[in-house]
Protein backbone atom coordinates (compact mmCIF):
# COMPACT_ATOMS: atom_id res chain seq x y z
CA MET A 1 -18.92 25.90 -7.35
CA SER A 2 -15.35 27.27 -8.04
CA ILE A 3 -12.42 25.03 -9.32
CA ALA A 4 -10.73 25.94 -6.01
CA ALA A 5 -13.55 24.71 -4.00
CA MET A 6 -13.71 21.64 -5.77
CA ASN A 7 -10.00 21.04 -4.95
CA ILE A 8 -8.86 20.65 -8.80
CA SER A 9 -5.12 20.75 -9.68
CA PRO A 10 -3.99 23.68 -11.58
CA GLU A 11 -3.17 21.29 -14.67
CA ALA A 12 -6.67 20.15 -14.69
CA GLU A 13 -7.95 23.70 -14.59
CA LEU A 14 -5.52 24.64 -17.33
CA GLN A 15 -6.91 21.76 -19.53
CA THR A 16 -10.51 23.03 -18.77
CA THR A 17 -9.94 26.44 -19.78
CA ARG A 18 -8.16 25.16 -22.96
CA THR A 19 -11.14 23.35 -24.18
CA PRO A 20 -13.33 24.92 -26.63
CA GLY A 21 -16.82 25.17 -25.56
CA ALA A 22 -16.13 23.66 -21.98
CA LYS A 23 -18.79 24.57 -19.59
CA THR A 24 -18.25 22.30 -16.57
CA LEU A 25 -15.34 20.37 -15.36
CA ALA A 26 -16.04 16.86 -14.52
CA ALA A 27 -15.01 15.62 -11.09
CA SER A 28 -13.42 12.47 -12.63
CA THR A 29 -13.56 10.23 -15.74
CA ILE A 30 -14.40 7.54 -13.62
CA SER A 31 -18.00 6.31 -12.59
CA VAL A 32 -19.38 3.99 -9.97
CA THR A 33 -21.84 1.38 -10.11
CA VAL A 34 -22.62 1.40 -6.22
CA ASP A 35 -24.48 4.21 -4.06
CA PHE A 36 -22.02 4.97 -0.98
CA ASP A 37 -24.81 6.26 1.22
CA GLN A 38 -27.05 3.01 0.60
CA ASP A 39 -27.42 0.65 3.54
CA GLY A 40 -26.92 -3.09 2.61
CA VAL A 41 -24.10 -4.81 0.64
CA GLN A 42 -23.47 -3.66 -2.96
CA HIS A 43 -21.10 -5.03 -5.30
CA GLY A 44 -20.01 -3.17 -8.25
CA PHE A 45 -17.10 -1.56 -10.20
CA LEU A 46 -15.23 1.79 -10.61
CA LYS A 47 -15.56 2.18 -14.31
CA LEU A 48 -12.49 3.99 -16.06
CA PRO A 49 -13.14 4.64 -19.80
CA TYR A 50 -10.16 3.22 -21.64
CA SER A 51 -10.06 3.08 -25.53
CA HIS A 52 -7.43 0.72 -27.10
CA ASP A 53 -6.84 -1.36 -29.86
CA LEU A 54 -8.86 -4.22 -28.78
CA SER A 55 -11.86 -2.15 -27.44
CA ALA A 56 -12.39 1.16 -28.77
CA TRP A 57 -15.17 2.13 -26.26
CA GLY A 58 -13.78 -0.02 -23.38
CA CYS A 59 -13.49 0.42 -19.62
CA ILE A 60 -11.27 -0.65 -16.96
CA MET A 61 -13.75 -2.08 -14.43
CA ILE A 62 -12.15 -1.94 -10.73
CA PRO A 63 -14.11 -4.29 -8.59
CA ILE A 64 -15.61 -2.58 -5.30
CA THR A 65 -17.72 -3.64 -2.53
CA VAL A 66 -19.61 -1.37 -0.12
CA VAL A 67 -21.14 -2.82 3.23
CA LYS A 68 -23.24 -0.12 4.95
CA ASN A 69 -25.38 -0.08 8.19
CA GLY A 70 -26.71 3.26 9.63
CA ASN A 71 -24.24 5.92 10.87
CA GLY A 72 -20.73 5.26 11.98
CA PRO A 73 -17.34 5.45 10.81
CA THR A 74 -15.94 4.39 7.49
CA ALA A 75 -13.02 2.15 6.71
CA LEU A 76 -11.30 2.26 3.22
CA MET A 77 -9.53 -1.10 2.65
CA THR A 78 -7.27 -1.68 -0.22
CA GLY A 79 -5.13 -4.18 -1.95
CA GLY A 80 -3.47 -4.56 -5.21
CA ASN A 81 -1.85 -1.13 -5.07
CA HIS A 82 0.88 -3.13 -6.62
CA GLY A 83 -0.34 -6.00 -8.73
CA ASP A 84 2.23 -8.66 -7.53
CA GLU A 85 1.31 -8.50 -3.78
CA TYR A 86 -1.33 -11.10 -3.25
CA GLU A 87 -2.18 -11.16 0.60
CA GLY A 88 -4.21 -7.97 0.36
CA ILE A 89 -6.02 -8.84 -2.72
CA THR A 90 -6.98 -12.42 -1.55
CA ALA A 91 -7.84 -11.32 2.09
CA LEU A 92 -10.11 -8.71 0.81
CA LEU A 93 -11.72 -10.73 -1.99
CA LYS A 94 -12.69 -13.08 0.90
CA LEU A 95 -13.79 -10.29 3.14
CA ALA A 96 -15.97 -8.56 0.36
CA SER A 97 -17.92 -12.16 -0.02
CA GLU A 98 -18.24 -12.79 3.72
CA LEU A 99 -19.18 -9.44 5.41
CA ARG A 100 -22.90 -8.67 6.07
CA ALA A 101 -24.43 -5.40 6.66
CA GLY A 102 -25.59 -6.50 10.00
CA ASP A 103 -21.80 -7.43 10.97
CA VAL A 104 -21.16 -3.72 10.89
CA GLN A 105 -22.07 -0.21 12.47
CA GLY A 106 -20.98 2.23 9.84
CA ARG A 107 -19.54 1.67 6.32
CA VAL A 108 -16.76 -0.44 4.80
CA ILE A 109 -15.52 0.27 1.47
CA ILE A 110 -13.35 -2.51 -0.33
CA VAL A 111 -11.20 -2.38 -3.24
CA PRO A 112 -9.13 -5.54 -3.37
CA ALA A 113 -7.50 -4.43 -6.85
CA MET A 114 -6.67 -0.73 -6.54
CA ASN A 115 -4.28 -0.89 -9.51
CA TYR A 116 -6.57 -3.45 -11.42
CA PRO A 117 -4.43 -3.32 -14.76
CA ALA A 118 -1.26 -4.32 -12.54
CA VAL A 119 -3.03 -7.23 -10.72
CA GLN A 120 -4.27 -8.60 -14.16
CA ASN A 121 -0.66 -8.55 -15.22
CA ALA A 122 0.76 -9.62 -12.32
CA SER A 123 3.04 -6.74 -12.23
CA ARG A 124 4.02 -4.09 -9.67
CA THR A 125 3.16 -1.27 -12.28
CA SER A 126 0.44 -0.99 -14.59
CA PRO A 127 0.95 -2.79 -18.06
CA ILE A 128 -0.97 0.32 -19.86
CA ASP A 129 1.37 3.31 -18.62
CA LYS A 130 3.91 1.81 -16.48
CA GLY A 131 2.24 3.65 -13.53
CA ASN A 132 3.14 2.80 -10.06
CA MET A 133 -0.14 3.51 -8.01
CA ASN A 134 1.80 3.93 -4.82
CA ARG A 135 3.96 6.88 -6.55
CA SER A 136 0.87 8.63 -8.58
CA PHE A 137 -0.74 10.91 -5.87
CA PRO A 138 -2.63 13.00 -5.76
CA GLY A 139 -3.27 11.82 -9.41
CA ASN A 140 -4.70 13.71 -12.43
CA PRO A 141 -8.39 13.33 -13.74
CA TYR A 142 -6.97 13.63 -17.23
CA GLY A 143 -3.72 12.10 -17.05
CA SER A 144 -2.65 8.50 -17.41
CA MET A 145 -4.73 5.53 -16.38
CA THR A 146 -3.03 5.06 -13.23
CA GLU A 147 -3.22 8.98 -12.40
CA ARG A 148 -6.83 8.97 -12.94
CA ILE A 149 -7.38 6.00 -10.48
CA ALA A 150 -4.99 7.83 -7.93
CA ASP A 151 -7.26 11.01 -8.43
CA TYR A 152 -10.52 9.45 -7.85
CA PHE A 153 -8.98 7.98 -4.61
CA GLN A 154 -7.58 11.50 -3.73
CA ARG A 155 -10.79 13.36 -4.32
CA THR A 156 -13.63 10.98 -3.69
CA LEU A 157 -12.60 7.95 -1.85
CA ILE A 158 -10.24 9.11 0.79
CA PRO A 159 -12.64 12.13 2.03
CA LEU A 160 -15.51 9.50 2.48
CA CYS A 161 -13.24 7.44 5.21
CA ASP A 162 -12.14 7.95 8.70
CA TYR A 163 -9.83 4.81 8.71
CA ALA A 164 -7.99 3.46 5.78
CA LEU A 165 -5.88 0.12 5.69
CA ASP A 166 -3.35 -0.59 2.46
CA ILE A 167 -1.98 -3.85 2.41
CA HIS A 168 1.24 -4.53 0.88
CA SER A 169 3.78 -7.13 0.76
CA GLY A 170 7.21 -7.40 -1.02
CA GLY A 171 6.05 -8.51 -4.35
CA LYS A 172 8.38 -10.22 -6.74
CA THR A 173 11.66 -8.26 -5.70
CA LEU A 174 11.37 -8.13 -1.95
CA ASP A 175 11.15 -10.61 0.91
CA ILE A 176 9.97 -8.63 4.15
CA LEU A 177 9.53 -9.58 7.96
CA PRO A 178 5.61 -9.53 8.18
CA PHE A 179 4.73 -6.17 9.88
CA ALA A 180 1.89 -3.35 10.07
CA ALA A 181 3.12 0.00 9.86
CA ALA A 182 2.50 3.59 10.31
CA HIS A 183 4.71 6.84 9.75
CA ARG A 184 5.74 9.99 11.67
CA LEU A 185 3.57 12.72 11.43
CA GLN A 186 3.47 16.30 12.45
CA ASP A 187 0.15 15.88 14.48
CA PRO A 188 1.01 13.75 17.45
CA GLU A 189 -2.52 12.49 18.14
CA GLN A 190 -3.30 11.41 14.55
CA GLU A 191 0.64 9.46 14.68
CA ALA A 192 -0.51 7.94 18.05
CA LYS A 193 -3.72 6.54 16.45
CA CYS A 194 -2.10 5.24 13.41
CA ILE A 195 0.60 3.40 15.49
CA ALA A 196 -2.13 2.12 17.69
CA GLY A 197 -3.91 0.74 14.41
CA ALA A 198 -0.84 -0.82 13.35
CA GLN A 199 -0.50 -2.62 16.63
CA ALA A 200 -4.13 -3.56 16.60
CA PHE A 201 -3.67 -5.32 13.09
CA GLY A 202 -2.04 -8.21 14.80
CA THR A 203 1.37 -8.93 13.32
CA ALA A 204 4.23 -9.88 15.91
CA ALA A 205 6.00 -6.71 14.52
CA SER A 206 4.89 -3.30 14.19
CA MET A 207 6.99 -0.69 12.41
CA ILE A 208 7.39 2.98 12.23
CA LEU A 209 8.20 3.28 8.55
CA PHE A 210 10.48 5.62 6.98
CA GLU A 211 9.85 6.01 3.22
CA LEU A 212 12.53 6.92 0.83
CA ASP A 213 9.98 8.98 -1.64
CA ALA A 214 6.84 9.70 0.50
CA ALA A 215 5.71 12.74 -1.26
CA SER A 216 3.64 10.79 -3.90
CA LEU A 217 2.37 7.81 -1.72
CA TYR A 218 -1.05 6.95 -1.27
CA ASP A 219 -0.12 6.75 2.48
CA THR A 220 0.80 10.35 2.33
CA ALA A 221 -2.21 11.31 0.46
CA VAL A 222 -4.50 9.75 3.28
CA GLU A 223 -2.34 11.21 6.15
CA ALA A 224 -2.61 14.71 4.71
CA GLN A 225 -6.29 14.36 5.01
CA GLY A 226 -6.17 13.66 8.50
CA LYS A 227 -7.34 10.09 8.37
CA VAL A 228 -5.95 7.02 10.44
CA PHE A 229 -3.92 5.30 8.06
CA VAL A 230 -2.32 1.73 8.40
CA THR A 231 -0.38 -0.11 5.86
CA THR A 232 1.40 -3.55 5.95
CA GLU A 233 4.19 -5.69 4.34
CA LEU A 234 3.23 -9.04 4.62
CA GLY A 235 6.28 -11.36 3.23
CA GLY A 236 7.06 -11.30 -0.56
CA GLY A 237 8.54 -13.16 -3.35
CA GLY A 238 5.49 -12.44 -5.68
CA THR A 239 3.13 -15.28 -3.80
CA SER A 240 1.53 -15.88 -0.71
CA THR A 241 1.82 -18.64 1.83
CA PRO A 242 -0.53 -20.18 4.51
CA LYS A 243 1.21 -17.74 7.33
CA THR A 244 1.05 -14.66 5.41
CA MET A 245 -2.77 -15.08 4.59
CA ALA A 246 -3.36 -16.00 8.33
CA LEU A 247 -1.99 -12.51 9.03
CA ALA A 248 -3.85 -10.86 6.34
CA ASP A 249 -7.26 -12.38 7.40
CA ARG A 250 -6.92 -11.68 10.93
CA GLY A 251 -5.64 -8.28 10.45
CA VAL A 252 -8.36 -7.21 8.26
CA ARG A 253 -10.80 -8.30 11.13
CA ASN A 254 -9.04 -6.71 13.62
CA PHE A 255 -8.80 -3.70 11.74
CA LEU A 256 -12.56 -3.23 11.58
CA ARG A 257 -12.69 -4.01 15.39
CA PHE A 258 -10.15 -1.29 15.95
CA ALA A 259 -12.24 1.16 13.92
CA GLY A 260 -15.42 0.40 15.96
CA ILE A 261 -17.27 -0.84 12.84
CA THR A 262 -17.48 -4.42 13.91
CA GLN A 263 -17.90 -5.66 17.51
CA GLY A 264 -15.34 -8.15 19.30
CA GLN A 265 -11.81 -8.45 20.87
CA LEU A 266 -8.86 -8.21 18.68
CA GLU A 267 -7.10 -11.24 18.03
CA PRO A 268 -3.74 -11.56 19.37
CA ALA A 269 -0.56 -11.90 17.59
CA ASP A 270 0.86 -15.70 17.42
CA GLU A 271 3.98 -14.14 18.94
CA PRO A 272 4.80 -11.52 21.42
CA GLN A 273 4.71 -8.13 19.69
CA VAL A 274 7.81 -5.82 19.01
CA LEU A 275 7.75 -2.16 17.76
CA LEU A 276 10.28 -1.41 15.34
CA ASP A 277 11.46 1.97 13.89
CA MET A 278 13.24 2.92 10.85
CA PRO A 279 14.30 6.65 11.61
CA ASP A 280 15.99 7.39 8.49
CA ALA A 281 17.49 6.50 5.23
CA SER A 282 20.55 4.66 6.79
CA CYS A 283 18.26 1.53 7.42
CA TYR A 284 18.52 0.93 3.88
CA VAL A 285 21.58 -0.98 2.64
CA GLN A 286 21.74 -0.02 -1.29
CA SER A 287 24.05 -1.39 -3.89
CA LEU A 288 26.62 0.61 -5.52
CA HIS A 289 27.38 -2.37 -7.80
CA ARG A 290 26.01 -4.73 -10.44
CA GLY A 291 26.25 -8.62 -9.84
CA ILE A 292 25.05 -11.65 -7.95
CA LEU A 293 23.99 -11.13 -4.46
CA GLU A 294 24.96 -13.16 -1.61
CA LEU A 295 23.12 -12.32 1.75
CA ASN A 296 25.11 -13.43 4.84
CA LEU A 297 22.14 -12.66 7.11
CA SER A 298 18.67 -13.99 7.06
CA ILE A 299 15.38 -11.93 7.82
CA GLY A 300 14.62 -11.53 11.53
CA ASP A 301 18.37 -11.96 12.31
CA ARG A 302 20.07 -9.29 14.88
CA VAL A 303 22.57 -6.93 13.35
CA ARG A 304 25.24 -4.86 14.73
CA ARG A 305 26.73 -1.67 13.01
CA GLY A 306 29.83 -3.07 11.02
CA ASP A 307 28.42 -6.73 10.78
CA LEU A 308 28.65 -8.16 7.03
CA VAL A 309 25.44 -8.10 5.51
CA ALA A 310 25.71 -8.95 1.89
CA ARG A 311 28.42 -9.42 -0.97
CA VAL A 312 27.84 -8.54 -4.53
CA HIS A 313 29.98 -10.76 -6.78
CA ALA A 314 30.67 -9.50 -10.39
CA PHE A 315 30.20 -11.93 -13.20
CA GLU A 316 31.70 -10.34 -16.07
CA ARG A 317 34.95 -12.02 -15.60
CA THR A 318 36.51 -14.40 -13.11
CA GLY A 319 39.17 -13.21 -10.47
CA THR A 320 37.29 -10.44 -9.26
CA PRO A 321 36.86 -10.00 -5.47
CA ALA A 322 33.26 -9.71 -4.24
CA VAL A 323 32.22 -6.49 -2.81
CA GLU A 324 31.25 -6.31 1.06
CA TYR A 325 28.28 -4.29 2.41
CA HIS A 326 28.36 -3.74 6.20
CA ALA A 327 25.44 -2.64 8.47
CA GLU A 328 25.58 1.09 9.33
CA ARG A 329 23.31 0.61 12.67
CA ASP A 330 22.28 -2.15 15.12
CA GLY A 331 18.76 -3.53 14.82
CA LEU A 332 16.93 -6.24 13.29
CA LEU A 333 17.14 -7.25 9.40
CA VAL A 334 13.67 -6.68 8.32
CA ALA A 335 13.74 -6.95 4.53
CA ARG A 336 16.04 -8.35 1.99
CA ARG A 337 16.19 -8.31 -2.04
CA PHE A 338 14.54 -11.53 -3.40
CA PRO A 339 16.04 -11.94 -6.77
CA ALA A 340 19.84 -12.60 -6.61
CA LEU A 341 20.80 -10.57 -9.62
CA VAL A 342 21.30 -6.69 -8.43
CA ASP A 343 21.87 -3.68 -10.16
CA ILE A 344 23.22 -0.15 -8.95
CA GLY A 345 20.66 1.39 -6.72
CA ASP A 346 18.84 -1.62 -5.81
CA THR A 347 18.20 -2.02 -1.85
CA LEU A 348 19.87 -5.02 -0.75
CA ALA A 349 18.56 -5.27 2.82
CA VAL A 350 16.80 -2.94 5.50
CA ILE A 351 17.73 -2.66 9.06
CA ALA A 352 15.24 -1.44 11.64
CA ASP A 353 15.89 -0.18 15.31
CA ILE A 354 14.12 -2.31 18.07
CA VAL A 355 11.97 0.09 20.13
CA GLU A 356 10.14 -2.26 22.47
CA ASN A 357 10.45 -5.73 22.72
């Protein structure tokens, strides 16, 4: 098979041609201890060799569960894309323990801790290479540890699935109105299915999400392969709550029903559902100053263009007036910075349009 047919990046091709005596190009340095085609329930690992000071021949062992029963669609369900976002990790660990082959028609692939080193470190990015998994696609089979994991998803796991759910929350630096989300896509049919999946997840709010840097996202990688993709933001602050865990638990069950892999009616949201839209970058209120943040609105508040959203107070000296930040659009305040200390470039708040109520 040619390198082009294997969908290997030019960088990988270049490295292979420079390797003396190389005969074949390994698809990935990651190996897997489960069989994706085998019926039943399997718990295993994605094994990524990682030689370091404490283990010369060590591996990063990323837990994976495969639940399969006959023919049918495949759902790829991930948490821990960022290591300080706990609803997805927890809900998928529970699902992996509870789901039985007889419950499904098709296949469910569960990876609760996608960036496993980051989850171990309770950090957004990997402590090994500072890699942000959600800014590392399409990855590189011979790159950093984070890039190698991304590459395995890009060329092995994503092609296996029909539906993908990636559960996020705000982590340590953001607090976010809980929502499930989809994106604007070139294919209107695919976009409609993704929005329907977000609404089926069962949060009171569903979002059409505008990303500031979409090119290297996991989201974009999945959508580019034509799959139905849903993501979430389920709170924040680097913790979980009974409310956000209830949303995540219900959401994973609803997603499998939406995909046609399990049976049953969708469990409705606790409140009337609203569809929100972030059409452009003006939704993000970003700081041009360093200082102490004073938010003047709360998550879920209605906002009108020109409203005072936040003040940033300089703390290097007294007698300096605070800098005020005002809304550039009407809408709903859906996210805010969680820590009070802010720097230039930090997002202070996010405002979304209300499409349907």
